């Protein structure tokens, strides 16, 4: 039952609203916005080293609502990673929704970095 509910919620997320403001994400629009993400989040096992060492998570397949909430928390300063705060600070609600549905639609079979 839990798995069925998760699948239904995931399907609704990809097709519909991903945040409280009613902003709907667009996977195609996100394709032109992911360049700032793939440099860190598309490298398995990558760690950044400024100002200290951080393990960078793979965000493909992550829940869209979680991605939006995380980006909003970085933008508000509730999360403290300096690079992510800077990036999230430049994003609109539409950008966040687009990136969230783009990454939530990925599976283990998705080509992570199309530039390779």
N, C-alpha and C. Protein backbone atom coordinates (compact mmCIF):
# COMPACT_ATOMS: atom_id res chain seq x y z
N UNK A 1 0.82 -1.20 0.00
CA UNK A 1 0.00 0.00 0.00
C UNK A 1 0.87 1.27 0.00
N UNK A 2 1.93 1.27 0.83
CA UNK A 2 2.82 2.44 0.88
C UNK A 2 3.48 2.68 -0.46
N UNK A 3 3.91 1.59 -1.13
CA UNK A 3 4.57 1.73 -2.42
C UNK A 3 3.61 2.31 -3.45
N UNK A 4 2.36 1.84 -3.45
CA UNK A 4 1.36 2.33 -4.39
C UNK A 4 1.10 3.81 -4.14
N UNK A 5 0.99 4.20 -2.89
CA UNK A 5 0.77 5.60 -2.56
C UNK A 5 1.94 6.45 -3.02
N UNK A 6 3.19 5.98 -2.80
CA UNK A 6 4.37 6.71 -3.23
C UNK A 6 4.37 6.91 -4.74
N UNK A 7 4.04 5.86 -5.49
CA UNK A 7 4.01 5.96 -6.95
C UNK A 7 2.97 6.97 -7.39
N UNK A 8 1.80 6.96 -6.75
CA UNK A 8 0.75 7.91 -7.10
C UNK A 8 1.18 9.34 -6.80
N UNK A 9 1.80 9.56 -5.65
CA UNK A 9 2.28 10.90 -5.29
C UNK A 9 3.37 11.35 -6.26
N UNK A 10 4.28 10.45 -6.60
CA UNK A 10 5.36 10.79 -7.54
C UNK A 10 4.79 11.18 -8.90
N UNK A 11 3.81 10.44 -9.37
CA UNK A 11 3.20 10.74 -10.67
C UNK A 11 2.51 12.10 -10.64
N UNK A 12 1.83 12.41 -9.54
CA UNK A 12 1.17 13.71 -9.43
C UNK A 12 2.21 14.82 -9.38
N UNK A 13 3.32 14.59 -8.71
CA UNK A 13 4.37 15.60 -8.61
C UNK A 13 4.95 15.93 -9.97
N UNK A 14 5.24 14.92 -10.76
CA UNK A 14 5.84 15.16 -12.08
C UNK A 14 4.89 15.91 -12.99
N UNK A 15 3.60 15.67 -12.83
CA UNK A 15 2.64 16.28 -13.73
C UNK A 15 2.05 17.57 -13.16
N UNK A 16 2.26 17.84 -11.87
CA UNK A 16 1.54 18.96 -11.28
C UNK A 16 2.38 19.85 -10.40
N UNK A 17 1.71 20.45 -9.45
CA UNK A 17 2.30 21.45 -8.58
C UNK A 17 3.38 20.85 -7.70
N UNK A 18 4.49 21.56 -7.55
CA UNK A 18 5.56 21.09 -6.69
C UNK A 18 5.80 22.03 -5.52
N UNK A 19 5.09 23.13 -5.46
CA UNK A 19 5.27 23.99 -4.29
C UNK A 19 3.97 24.68 -3.90
N UNK A 20 3.97 25.27 -2.73
CA UNK A 20 2.77 25.87 -2.17
C UNK A 20 2.27 27.06 -2.98
N UNK A 21 3.14 27.69 -3.76
CA UNK A 21 2.73 28.85 -4.56
C UNK A 21 2.01 28.45 -5.84
N UNK A 22 1.89 27.14 -6.09
CA UNK A 22 1.21 26.68 -7.30
C UNK A 22 2.07 26.72 -8.54
N UNK A 23 3.37 26.83 -8.39
CA UNK A 23 4.28 26.86 -9.53
C UNK A 23 4.51 25.44 -10.00
N UNK A 24 4.27 25.21 -11.29
CA UNK A 24 4.46 23.87 -11.85
C UNK A 24 5.81 23.80 -12.56
N UNK A 25 6.51 22.71 -12.31
CA UNK A 25 7.81 22.52 -12.93
C UNK A 25 7.70 22.05 -14.36
N UNK A 26 8.70 22.38 -15.16
CA UNK A 26 8.77 22.01 -16.57
C UNK A 26 10.12 21.36 -16.83
N UNK A 27 10.09 20.05 -17.12
CA UNK A 27 11.32 19.30 -17.34
C UNK A 27 12.12 19.89 -18.49
N UNK A 28 11.47 20.23 -19.60
CA UNK A 28 12.19 20.79 -20.76
C UNK A 28 12.84 22.12 -20.43
N UNK A 29 12.15 22.96 -19.68
CA UNK A 29 12.73 24.25 -19.31
C UNK A 29 13.96 24.05 -18.43
N UNK A 30 13.94 23.01 -17.61
CA UNK A 30 15.07 22.76 -16.70
C UNK A 30 16.33 22.36 -17.44
N UNK A 31 16.20 21.79 -18.62
CA UNK A 31 17.38 21.33 -19.36
C UNK A 31 18.37 22.47 -19.62
N UNK A 32 17.87 23.69 -19.71
CA UNK A 32 18.77 24.83 -19.92
C UNK A 32 19.26 25.42 -18.59
N UNK A 33 18.80 24.86 -17.47
CA UNK A 33 19.15 25.40 -16.15
C UNK A 33 20.06 24.48 -15.34
N UNK A 34 20.27 23.25 -15.78
CA UNK A 34 20.99 22.27 -14.95
C UNK A 34 22.51 22.42 -15.00
N UNK A 35 23.03 23.27 -15.86
CA UNK A 35 24.49 23.41 -15.97
C UNK A 35 25.12 23.75 -14.62
N UNK A 36 24.43 24.54 -13.82
CA UNK A 36 24.98 24.91 -12.52
C UNK A 36 24.92 23.76 -11.52
N UNK A 37 24.16 22.71 -11.81
CA UNK A 37 23.98 21.58 -10.89
C UNK A 37 24.90 20.40 -11.23
N UNK A 38 25.04 20.12 -12.53
CA UNK A 38 25.73 18.89 -12.93
C UNK A 38 27.21 18.89 -12.59
N UNK A 39 27.81 20.06 -12.42
CA UNK A 39 29.22 20.12 -12.09
C UNK A 39 29.56 19.46 -10.77
N UNK A 40 28.60 19.37 -9.87
CA UNK A 40 28.83 18.72 -8.57
C UNK A 40 27.90 17.52 -8.38
N UNK A 41 26.63 17.70 -8.67
CA UNK A 41 25.63 16.67 -8.37
C UNK A 41 25.57 15.53 -9.37
N UNK A 42 26.32 15.59 -10.44
CA UNK A 42 26.31 14.51 -11.44
C UNK A 42 27.59 13.69 -11.40
N UNK A 43 28.38 13.85 -10.36
CA UNK A 43 29.64 13.12 -10.26
C UNK A 43 29.55 12.18 -9.05
N UNK A 44 29.42 10.88 -9.30
CA UNK A 44 29.32 9.93 -8.19
C UNK A 44 30.50 10.05 -7.23
N UNK A 45 30.20 10.17 -5.93
CA UNK A 45 31.23 10.24 -4.92
C UNK A 45 31.95 11.57 -4.81
N UNK A 46 31.48 12.60 -5.50
CA UNK A 46 32.16 13.89 -5.50
C UNK A 46 32.09 14.55 -4.13
N UNK A 47 33.18 15.22 -3.75
CA UNK A 47 33.23 16.00 -2.52
C UNK A 47 33.78 17.37 -2.84
N UNK A 48 33.13 18.39 -2.33
CA UNK A 48 33.66 19.75 -2.50
C UNK A 48 34.55 20.06 -1.30
N UNK A 49 35.42 21.02 -1.47
CA UNK A 49 36.37 21.28 -0.39
C UNK A 49 36.44 22.75 0.01
N UNK A 50 35.35 23.48 -0.12
CA UNK A 50 35.36 24.88 0.31
C UNK A 50 34.10 25.19 1.07
N UNK A 51 34.14 25.75 2.20
CA UNK A 51 35.30 26.05 3.03
C UNK A 51 35.78 24.82 3.80
N UNK A 52 35.01 23.76 3.80
CA UNK A 52 35.44 22.49 4.38
C UNK A 52 34.96 21.39 3.46
N UNK A 53 35.31 20.15 3.73
CA UNK A 53 34.94 19.06 2.83
C UNK A 53 33.48 18.66 3.04
N UNK A 54 32.73 18.66 1.96
CA UNK A 54 31.32 18.26 1.96
C UNK A 54 31.15 17.11 0.98
N UNK A 55 30.39 16.12 1.37
CA UNK A 55 30.00 15.07 0.43
C UNK A 55 28.81 15.60 -0.34
N UNK A 56 28.90 15.59 -1.65
CA UNK A 56 27.84 16.14 -2.50
C UNK A 56 26.88 15.01 -2.88
N UNK A 57 25.61 15.15 -2.54
CA UNK A 57 24.65 14.08 -2.85
C UNK A 57 24.26 14.05 -4.32
N UNK A 58 23.98 12.85 -4.80
CA UNK A 58 23.37 12.70 -6.13
C UNK A 58 21.89 13.05 -5.94
N UNK A 59 21.36 13.97 -6.72
CA UNK A 59 19.98 14.39 -6.51
C UNK A 59 19.01 13.79 -7.52
N UNK A 60 19.52 13.07 -8.51
CA UNK A 60 18.64 12.41 -9.47
C UNK A 60 17.78 11.37 -8.77
N UNK A 61 16.47 11.43 -9.03
CA UNK A 61 15.54 10.50 -8.41
C UNK A 61 15.02 10.95 -7.06
N UNK A 62 15.54 12.07 -6.56
CA UNK A 62 15.07 12.60 -5.28
C UNK A 62 13.67 13.16 -5.44
N UNK A 63 12.91 13.19 -4.37
CA UNK A 63 11.54 13.70 -4.37
C UNK A 63 11.53 15.19 -4.73
N UNK A 64 10.63 15.58 -5.64
CA UNK A 64 10.58 16.97 -6.12
C UNK A 64 10.30 17.95 -4.99
N UNK A 65 9.36 17.61 -4.11
CA UNK A 65 9.04 18.52 -3.01
C UNK A 65 10.26 18.73 -2.11
N UNK A 66 11.02 17.67 -1.90
CA UNK A 66 12.22 17.77 -1.07
C UNK A 66 13.25 18.71 -1.72
N UNK A 67 13.43 18.57 -3.03
CA UNK A 67 14.39 19.42 -3.73
C UNK A 67 13.99 20.89 -3.62
N UNK A 68 12.71 21.18 -3.84
CA UNK A 68 12.23 22.56 -3.72
C UNK A 68 12.43 23.06 -2.30
N UNK A 69 12.07 22.26 -1.31
CA UNK A 69 12.22 22.67 0.10
C UNK A 69 13.68 22.94 0.44
N UNK A 70 14.57 22.08 -0.04
CA UNK A 70 16.00 22.27 0.23
C UNK A 70 16.51 23.56 -0.42
N UNK A 71 16.14 23.79 -1.67
CA UNK A 71 16.57 25.02 -2.35
C UNK A 71 16.03 26.26 -1.65
N UNK A 72 14.77 26.20 -1.22
CA UNK A 72 14.21 27.34 -0.51
C UNK A 72 14.93 27.58 0.82
N UNK A 73 15.29 26.49 1.51
CA UNK A 73 16.01 26.63 2.78
C UNK A 73 17.39 27.24 2.56
N UNK A 74 18.07 26.85 1.47
CA UNK A 74 19.36 27.48 1.16
C UNK A 74 19.16 28.96 0.86
N UNK A 75 18.15 29.28 0.08
CA UNK A 75 17.89 30.68 -0.29
C UNK A 75 17.60 31.54 0.94
N UNK A 76 16.87 30.98 1.90
CA UNK A 76 16.53 31.72 3.13
C UNK A 76 17.68 31.75 4.14
N UNK A 77 18.73 30.96 3.89
CA UNK A 77 19.84 30.90 4.83
C UNK A 77 19.65 29.89 5.94
N UNK A 78 18.59 29.07 5.85
CA UNK A 78 18.34 28.04 6.86
C UNK A 78 19.32 26.87 6.71
N UNK A 79 19.81 26.66 5.50
CA UNK A 79 20.88 25.71 5.24
C UNK A 79 22.11 26.54 4.92
N UNK A 80 23.28 26.09 5.35
CA UNK A 80 24.43 26.97 5.38
C UNK A 80 25.52 26.76 4.33
N UNK A 81 25.44 25.75 3.46
CA UNK A 81 26.53 25.54 2.50
C UNK A 81 26.67 26.78 1.62
N UNK A 82 27.86 27.42 1.60
CA UNK A 82 28.00 28.71 0.91
C UNK A 82 27.74 28.66 -0.60
N UNK A 83 28.18 27.62 -1.27
CA UNK A 83 27.95 27.54 -2.71
C UNK A 83 26.47 27.38 -3.00
N UNK A 84 25.82 26.49 -2.26
CA UNK A 84 24.39 26.26 -2.48
C UNK A 84 23.57 27.49 -2.11
N UNK A 85 23.98 28.21 -1.09
CA UNK A 85 23.26 29.45 -0.72
C UNK A 85 23.34 30.43 -1.87
N UNK A 86 24.50 30.55 -2.49
CA UNK A 86 24.66 31.47 -3.62
C UNK A 86 23.84 31.06 -4.83
N UNK A 87 23.88 29.79 -5.14
CA UNK A 87 23.12 29.29 -6.29
C UNK A 87 21.62 29.43 -6.03
N UNK A 88 21.15 28.95 -4.89
CA UNK A 88 19.72 29.01 -4.59
C UNK A 88 19.23 30.45 -4.52
N UNK A 89 20.08 31.35 -4.06
CA UNK A 89 19.71 32.76 -3.99
C UNK A 89 19.42 33.37 -5.35
N UNK A 90 19.97 32.77 -6.39
CA UNK A 90 19.75 33.30 -7.74
C UNK A 90 18.55 32.66 -8.44
N UNK A 91 17.93 31.66 -7.80
CA UNK A 91 16.83 30.93 -8.44
C UNK A 91 15.47 31.53 -8.10
N UNK A 92 14.59 31.54 -9.11
CA UNK A 92 13.20 31.92 -8.88
C UNK A 92 12.42 30.69 -8.44
N UNK A 93 11.18 30.88 -7.99
CA UNK A 93 10.33 29.74 -7.66
C UNK A 93 10.14 28.84 -8.88
N UNK A 94 10.04 29.43 -10.06
CA UNK A 94 9.89 28.65 -11.29
C UNK A 94 11.14 27.82 -11.56
N UNK A 95 12.31 28.43 -11.39
CA UNK A 95 13.56 27.69 -11.58
C UNK A 95 13.62 26.48 -10.65
N UNK A 96 13.26 26.69 -9.38
CA UNK A 96 13.30 25.60 -8.41
C UNK A 96 12.34 24.49 -8.79
N UNK A 97 11.14 24.86 -9.22
CA UNK A 97 10.16 23.85 -9.62
C UNK A 97 10.63 23.08 -10.85
N UNK A 98 11.22 23.78 -11.81
CA UNK A 98 11.73 23.13 -13.02
C UNK A 98 12.84 22.15 -12.68
N UNK A 99 13.80 22.58 -11.88
CA UNK A 99 14.91 21.71 -11.50
C UNK A 99 14.42 20.51 -10.69
N UNK A 100 13.44 20.74 -9.83
CA UNK A 100 12.91 19.66 -8.99
C UNK A 100 12.26 18.57 -9.83
N UNK A 101 11.43 18.94 -10.81
CA UNK A 101 10.79 17.89 -11.61
C UNK A 101 11.80 17.23 -12.55
N UNK A 102 12.78 17.97 -13.00
CA UNK A 102 13.83 17.40 -13.84
C UNK A 102 14.57 16.30 -13.08
N UNK A 103 15.05 16.62 -11.89
CA UNK A 103 15.83 15.64 -11.13
C UNK A 103 14.96 14.52 -10.56
N UNK A 104 13.73 14.81 -10.18
CA UNK A 104 12.87 13.76 -9.63
C UNK A 104 12.48 12.74 -10.70
N UNK A 105 12.52 13.12 -11.96
CA UNK A 105 12.17 12.21 -13.05
C UNK A 105 13.29 11.25 -13.40
N UNK A 106 14.48 11.47 -12.88
CA UNK A 106 15.62 10.62 -13.22
C UNK A 106 15.52 9.26 -12.53
N UNK A 107 16.08 8.26 -13.20
CA UNK A 107 16.17 6.91 -12.65
C UNK A 107 17.62 6.47 -12.74
N UNK A 108 17.90 5.26 -12.30
CA UNK A 108 19.26 4.75 -12.39
C UNK A 108 19.72 4.59 -13.83
N UNK A 109 18.79 4.53 -14.77
CA UNK A 109 19.14 4.39 -16.19
C UNK A 109 19.35 5.73 -16.90
N UNK A 110 19.04 6.83 -16.22
CA UNK A 110 19.18 8.14 -16.82
C UNK A 110 20.64 8.50 -17.03
N UNK A 111 20.96 9.03 -18.22
CA UNK A 111 22.31 9.54 -18.47
C UNK A 111 22.45 10.80 -17.63
N UNK A 112 23.35 10.79 -16.67
CA UNK A 112 23.46 11.87 -15.71
C UNK A 112 24.01 13.14 -16.34
N UNK A 113 25.07 13.01 -17.09
CA UNK A 113 25.71 14.18 -17.67
C UNK A 113 25.75 13.99 -19.20
N UNK A 114 24.86 14.69 -19.87
CA UNK A 114 24.75 14.55 -21.33
C UNK A 114 25.97 15.10 -22.06
N UNK A 115 26.84 15.80 -21.37
CA UNK A 115 28.02 16.37 -22.01
C UNK A 115 29.16 15.36 -22.12
N UNK A 116 29.03 14.20 -21.47
CA UNK A 116 30.08 13.18 -21.52
C UNK A 116 30.05 12.44 -22.83
